[in-house]
Amino acid sequence: MSNLDTILNQLDKVKAYGNNKWLACCPAHNDKHPSLKVTMTDDGKILIKCWAGCDISAVLKALSIEMADLFPDKISYTKGSKPPKFNRIELFDRLVYEALILYVAIQQLQQGKPLNDVDALRVEQAMSFIDELKAEVKS
């Protein structure tokens, strides 16, 4: 079973709307009307957003999953190779995405909770990707 299936099977009132998009009741608060958006991106990432304002860490805790469960095991390029070329919109979206990973990790650390090995590795990947994009933009 995929991580997406595991997540969707834990949610109530799941309803598909569009390609690889679902709405469901948020497990982090007493949700009577679906406010949780779950999206599977083309590259295998699972995006979760509670429109009622629940923090992502609360949603992950309610689902008993880790931040790393939202991301594919393999990255799209190998170490030592150049990252793919992006247009401006893709570049911005990817930077926001990697910054979100760092933001969630920083929140967890500020709460006095250490990162597990998987999450620490994902933070390193985010930092590395941002550094590589920065180098790509300079060249």
Protein backbone atom coordinates (compact mmCIF):
# COMPACT_ATOMS: atom_id res chain seq x y z
CA MET A 1 0.00 0.00 0.00
CA SER A 2 1.36 3.43 -0.90
CA ASN A 3 1.75 6.27 1.58
CA LEU A 4 -1.09 8.07 -0.20
CA ASP A 5 -3.42 5.08 0.28
CA THR A 6 -2.39 4.84 3.94
CA ILE A 7 -3.25 8.51 4.46
CA LEU A 8 -6.55 8.47 2.57
CA ASN A 9 -7.69 5.30 4.35
CA GLN A 10 -7.33 7.06 7.72
CA LEU A 11 -9.46 10.04 6.75
CA ASP A 12 -13.23 10.53 6.95
CA LYS A 13 -15.51 11.83 4.18
CA VAL A 14 -12.82 11.52 1.50
CA LYS A 15 -13.96 12.90 -1.83
CA ALA A 16 -11.92 13.10 -5.02
CA TYR A 17 -12.10 16.38 -6.89
CA GLY A 18 -9.94 16.57 -9.96
CA ASN A 19 -6.83 14.66 -10.90
CA ASN A 20 -4.92 13.40 -7.82
CA LYS A 21 -6.74 15.76 -5.43
CA TRP A 22 -8.96 14.89 -2.46
CA LEU A 23 -10.86 16.69 0.27
CA ALA A 24 -11.48 15.04 3.65
CA CYS A 25 -12.19 15.85 7.27
CA CYS A 26 -9.04 16.96 9.05
CA PRO A 27 -8.00 14.49 11.76
CA ALA A 28 -6.28 17.23 13.79
CA HIS A 29 -9.47 19.01 14.81
CA ASN A 30 -13.19 18.25 15.22
CA ASP A 31 -13.95 18.63 11.53
CA LYS A 32 -17.57 18.12 10.45
CA HIS A 33 -17.11 19.46 6.92
CA PRO A 34 -14.05 18.48 4.87
CA SER A 35 -11.32 21.09 5.21
CA LEU A 36 -8.24 18.96 4.53
CA LYS A 37 -6.83 19.05 1.00
CA VAL A 38 -4.58 16.16 -0.07
CA THR A 39 -2.76 16.35 -3.40
CA MET A 40 -0.40 13.91 -5.10
CA THR A 41 2.04 15.77 -7.34
CA ASP A 42 3.37 14.39 -10.61
CA ASP A 43 6.73 13.65 -8.99
CA GLY A 44 5.21 11.67 -6.10
CA LYS A 45 5.04 14.25 -3.31
CA ILE A 46 1.98 14.30 -1.07
CA LEU A 47 0.83 17.82 -0.20
CA ILE A 48 -1.48 18.32 2.78
CA LYS A 49 -3.26 21.57 3.68
CA CYS A 50 -5.90 22.12 6.37
CA TRP A 51 -7.99 25.10 5.30
CA ALA A 52 -9.23 25.47 8.89
CA GLY A 53 -5.67 26.35 9.90
CA CYS A 54 -4.28 23.22 11.56
CA ASP A 55 -0.50 23.10 11.64
CA ILE A 56 1.02 20.40 9.42
CA SER A 57 2.74 18.84 12.44
CA ALA A 58 -0.65 18.37 14.14
CA VAL A 59 -2.10 16.73 11.02
CA LEU A 60 0.92 14.41 10.69
CA LYS A 61 0.69 13.47 14.36
CA ALA A 62 -3.04 12.70 14.04
CA LEU A 63 -2.25 10.46 11.05
CA SER A 64 0.68 8.82 12.89
CA ILE A 65 3.04 9.56 10.01
CA GLU A 66 6.35 11.38 9.62
CA MET A 67 7.16 14.30 7.36
CA ALA A 68 9.34 11.95 5.28
CA ASP A 69 6.25 9.85 4.44
CA LEU A 70 5.03 12.74 2.26
CA PHE A 71 7.98 12.54 -0.09
CA PRO A 72 9.13 9.91 -2.60
CA ASP A 73 12.15 7.81 -1.70
CA LYS A 74 14.08 8.78 -4.82
CA ILE A 75 14.97 12.23 -6.01
CA SER A 76 14.75 13.06 -9.69
CA TYR A 77 18.49 13.38 -10.29
CA THR A 78 21.60 11.70 -8.98
CA LYS A 79 24.17 13.22 -6.66
CA GLY A 80 26.85 15.06 -8.55
CA SER A 81 24.63 15.82 -11.51
CA LYS A 82 23.16 19.22 -12.18
CA PRO A 83 19.57 19.78 -11.09
CA PRO A 84 17.09 20.00 -13.92
CA LYS A 85 16.57 23.38 -15.56
CA PHE A 86 13.46 25.13 -14.33
CA ASN A 87 11.37 27.93 -15.68
CA ARG A 88 10.76 30.79 -13.23
CA ILE A 89 7.44 29.45 -11.93
CA GLU A 90 8.85 25.95 -11.38
CA LEU A 91 11.93 27.40 -9.70
CA PHE A 92 9.82 29.48 -7.32
CA ASP A 93 7.49 26.55 -6.53
CA ARG A 94 10.43 24.25 -5.81
CA LEU A 95 12.12 26.82 -3.57
CA VAL A 96 8.89 27.32 -1.64
CA TYR A 97 8.52 23.55 -1.31
CA GLU A 98 12.07 23.05 0.00
CA ALA A 99 11.64 26.06 2.32
CA LEU A 100 8.48 24.44 3.70
CA ILE A 101 10.47 21.34 4.60
CA LEU A 102 12.99 23.51 6.44
CA TYR A 103 10.18 25.47 8.13
CA VAL A 104 8.50 22.32 9.47
CA ALA A 105 11.85 21.01 10.73
CA ILE A 106 12.65 24.32 12.43
CA GLN A 107 9.22 24.34 14.10
CA GLN A 108 9.83 20.86 15.44
CA LEU A 109 13.29 21.82 16.75
CA GLN A 110 11.90 25.00 18.36
CA GLN A 111 9.39 22.82 20.19
CA GLY A 112 12.34 20.89 21.65
CA LYS A 113 11.66 17.80 19.55
CA PRO A 114 14.71 16.38 17.79
CA LEU A 115 14.47 15.30 14.16
CA ASN A 116 14.55 11.58 13.51
CA ASP A 117 17.18 10.28 11.09
CA VAL A 118 14.81 10.25 8.10
CA ASP A 119 13.65 13.83 8.67
CA ALA A 120 17.23 15.01 9.28
CA LEU A 121 18.26 13.45 5.97
CA ARG A 122 15.35 15.19 4.18
CA VAL A 123 16.41 18.53 5.71
CA GLU A 124 19.94 17.94 4.39
CA GLN A 125 18.47 17.18 0.95
CA ALA A 126 16.44 20.40 1.03
CA MET A 127 19.51 22.43 1.98
CA SER A 128 21.59 20.73 -0.69
CA PHE A 129 18.95 21.32 -3.34
CA ILE A 130 18.70 25.01 -2.44
CA ASP A 131 22.51 25.31 -2.59
CA GLU A 132 22.56 23.61 -6.00
CA LEU A 133 19.81 25.88 -7.31
CA LYS A 134 21.70 28.89 -6.02
CA ALA A 135 24.81 27.72 -7.87
CA GLU A 136 22.74 27.04 -11.00
CA VAL A 137 21.32 30.58 -10.94
CA LYS A 138 24.82 32.08 -10.57
CA SER A 139 26.22 30.12 -13.51
